[in-house]
């Protein structure tokens, strides 16, 4: 599980049928203080949580989790949003 920030959206007028119920969002991993980490953006499916740009989200990077949440084995994706984070704390 990764803590990420939604940094963008993707609009696709045509997409695989299995992707239709989900939004496509650009996410970027963040550290414990909320700062962007590294240079890699990821494209993530949001099947039901309604995340938007600026939200912090929990992301799973595993095809089996995608298949379970999308309720199909026919989805060729490996990054999915599994929750929207309201707040977090951590200790050093």
C-alpha atoms as a PDB file:
ATOM      1  CA  UNK A   1       0.000   0.000   0.000  1.00  0.00           C
ATOM      2  CA  UNK A   2       1.268   3.462  -0.901  1.00  0.00           C
ATOM      3  CA  UNK A   3       0.274   6.953   0.213  1.00  0.00           C
ATOM      4  CA  UNK A   4      -0.169   9.124  -2.880  1.00  0.00           C
ATOM      5  CA  UNK A   5      -1.537  12.474  -3.965  1.00  0.00           C
ATOM      6  CA  UNK A   6      -3.851  12.828  -6.952  1.00  0.00           C
ATOM      7  CA  UNK A   7      -2.096  15.234  -9.328  1.00  0.00           C
ATOM      8  CA  UNK A   8      -4.228  14.949 -12.435  1.00  0.00           C
ATOM      9  CA  UNK A   9      -7.040  13.294 -14.340  1.00  0.00           C
ATOM     10  CA  UNK A  10      -7.216  11.390 -17.587  1.00  0.00           C
ATOM     11  CA  UNK A  11     -10.215  11.679 -19.890  1.00  0.00           C
ATOM     12  CA  UNK A  12     -10.673   8.864 -22.376  1.00  0.00           C
ATOM     13  CA  UNK A  13     -13.596   8.870 -24.792  1.00  0.00           C
ATOM     14  CA  UNK A  14     -12.822   5.263 -25.643  1.00  0.00           C
ATOM     15  CA  UNK A  15     -11.610   2.714 -23.143  1.00  0.00           C
ATOM     16  CA  UNK A  16     -11.755  -0.995 -22.478  1.00  0.00           C
ATOM     17  CA  UNK A  17     -15.225  -2.030 -21.291  1.00  0.00           C
ATOM     18  CA  UNK A  18     -13.854  -3.285 -17.952  1.00  0.00           C
ATOM     19  CA  UNK A  19     -12.531   0.235 -17.192  1.00  0.00           C
ATOM     20  CA  UNK A  20     -15.883   2.003 -17.741  1.00  0.00           C
ATOM     21  CA  UNK A  21     -16.991   1.997 -14.077  1.00  0.00           C
ATOM     22  CA  UNK A  22     -13.719   3.630 -12.923  1.00  0.00           C
ATOM     23  CA  UNK A  23     -12.175   7.082 -13.159  1.00  0.00           C
ATOM     24  CA  UNK A  24      -8.589   7.320 -14.396  1.00  0.00           C
ATOM     25  CA  UNK A  25      -6.402   9.511 -12.186  1.00  0.00           C
ATOM     26  CA  UNK A  26      -2.730  10.474 -12.144  1.00  0.00           C
ATOM     27  CA  UNK A  27      -1.208   9.864  -8.704  1.00  0.00           C
ATOM     28  CA  UNK A  28       2.235  10.517  -7.253  1.00  0.00           C
ATOM     29  CA  UNK A  29       3.747   8.875  -4.177  1.00  0.00           C
ATOM     30  CA  UNK A  30       4.255  11.125  -1.137  1.00  0.00           C
ATOM     31  CA  UNK A  31       6.306  10.845   2.038  1.00  0.00           C
ATOM     32  CA  UNK A  32       4.940  10.938   5.594  1.00  0.00           C
ATOM     33  CA  UNK A  33       4.831  14.749   5.506  1.00  0.00           C
ATOM     34  CA  UNK A  34       2.865  14.871   2.246  1.00  0.00           C
ATOM     35  CA  UNK A  35       5.792  15.909   0.009  1.00  0.00           C
ATOM     36  CA  UNK A  36       6.011  14.364  -3.450  1.00  0.00           C
ATOM     37  CA  UNK A  37       8.593  11.572  -3.585  1.00  0.00           C
ATOM     38  CA  UNK A  38      10.603  10.680  -6.672  1.00  0.00           C
ATOM     39  CA  UNK A  39       9.764  11.576 -10.242  1.00  0.00           C
ATOM     40  CA  UNK A  40       7.340   8.825 -11.221  1.00  0.00           C
ATOM     41  CA  UNK A  41       3.643   9.481 -11.763  1.00  0.00           C
ATOM     42  CA  UNK A  42       1.288   6.509 -11.914  1.00  0.00           C
ATOM     43  CA  UNK A  43      -2.053   6.049 -13.632  1.00  0.00           C
ATOM     44  CA  UNK A  44      -4.567   4.655 -11.137  1.00  0.00           C
ATOM     45  CA  UNK A  45      -8.127   3.423 -11.352  1.00  0.00           C
ATOM     46  CA  UNK A  46     -10.656   4.899  -8.929  1.00  0.00           C
ATOM     47  CA  UNK A  47     -13.523   2.400  -8.945  1.00  0.00           C
ATOM     48  CA  UNK A  48     -15.829   4.015  -6.399  1.00  0.00           C
ATOM     49  CA  UNK A  49     -14.232   6.552  -4.078  1.00  0.00           C
ATOM     50  CA  UNK A  50     -14.666   9.805  -6.001  1.00  0.00           C
ATOM     51  CA  UNK A  51     -11.099  11.034  -5.466  1.00  0.00           C
ATOM     52  CA  UNK A  52     -10.059  14.231  -7.191  1.00  0.00           C
ATOM     53  CA  UNK A  53      -7.022  16.401  -7.811  1.00  0.00           C
ATOM     54  CA  UNK A  54      -5.396  17.398  -4.520  1.00  0.00           C
ATOM     55  CA  UNK A  55      -6.751  14.437  -2.541  1.00  0.00           C
ATOM     56  CA  UNK A  56      -4.441  12.063  -0.714  1.00  0.00           C
ATOM     57  CA  UNK A  57      -5.238   8.436  -1.426  1.00  0.00           C
ATOM     58  CA  UNK A  58      -4.144   4.930  -0.505  1.00  0.00           C
ATOM     59  CA  UNK A  59      -3.019   2.997  -3.559  1.00  0.00           C
ATOM     60  CA  UNK A  60      -2.427  -0.714  -4.103  1.00  0.00           C
ATOM     61  CA  UNK A  61       0.024  -1.773  -6.814  1.00  0.00           C
ATOM     62  CA  UNK A  62      -1.024  -5.338  -7.435  1.00  0.00           C
ATOM     63  CA  UNK A  63      -3.065  -6.864 -10.238  1.00  0.00           C
ATOM     64  CA  UNK A  64      -4.950  -9.227  -7.910  1.00  0.00           C
ATOM     65  CA  UNK A  65      -6.286  -6.284  -5.878  1.00  0.00           C
ATOM     66  CA  UNK A  66      -7.392  -4.546  -9.086  1.00  0.00           C
ATOM     67  CA  UNK A  67      -9.246  -7.688 -10.192  1.00  0.00           C
ATOM     68  CA  UNK A  68     -11.021  -7.983  -6.821  1.00  0.00           C
ATOM     69  CA  UNK A  69     -12.125  -4.346  -6.619  1.00  0.00           C
ATOM     70  CA  UNK A  70     -13.111  -4.150 -10.280  1.00  0.00           C
ATOM     71  CA  UNK A  71     -14.870  -7.513  -9.858  1.00  0.00           C
ATOM     72  CA  UNK A  72     -13.343  -8.953 -13.024  1.00  0.00           C
ATOM     73  CA  UNK A  73     -10.221 -10.736 -14.184  1.00  0.00           C
ATOM     74  CA  UNK A  74     -10.246  -8.905 -17.526  1.00  0.00           C
ATOM     75  CA  UNK A  75      -8.695  -5.642 -16.299  1.00  0.00           C
ATOM     76  CA  UNK A  76      -5.117  -5.164 -17.440  1.00  0.00           C
ATOM     77  CA  UNK A  77      -4.050  -2.674 -14.770  1.00  0.00           C
ATOM     78  CA  UNK A  78      -1.988  -2.883 -11.603  1.00  0.00           C
ATOM     79  CA  UNK A  79      -2.584   0.399  -9.724  1.00  0.00           C
ATOM     80  CA  UNK A  80      -5.878   1.081  -7.964  1.00  0.00           C
ATOM     81  CA  UNK A  81      -7.119   3.536  -5.358  1.00  0.00           C
ATOM     82  CA  UNK A  82      -8.399   1.716  -2.283  1.00  0.00           C
ATOM     83  CA  UNK A  83      -9.317   4.717  -0.139  1.00  0.00           C
ATOM     84  CA  UNK A  84      -9.303   8.499   0.230  1.00  0.00           C
ATOM     85  CA  UNK A  85      -7.270   9.737   3.217  1.00  0.00           C
ATOM     86  CA  UNK A  86      -8.904  12.369   5.411  1.00  0.00           C
ATOM     87  CA  UNK A  87      -5.927  12.920   7.723  1.00  0.00           C
ATOM     88  CA  UNK A  88      -2.836  11.158   9.093  1.00  0.00           C
ATOM     89  CA  UNK A  89      -0.236  11.510  11.815  1.00  0.00           C
ATOM     90  CA  UNK A  90       3.120   9.890  12.336  1.00  0.00           C
ATOM     91  CA  UNK A  91       5.898   9.832  14.907  1.00  0.00           C
ATOM     92  CA  UNK A  92       9.608  10.042  14.184  1.00  0.00           C
END
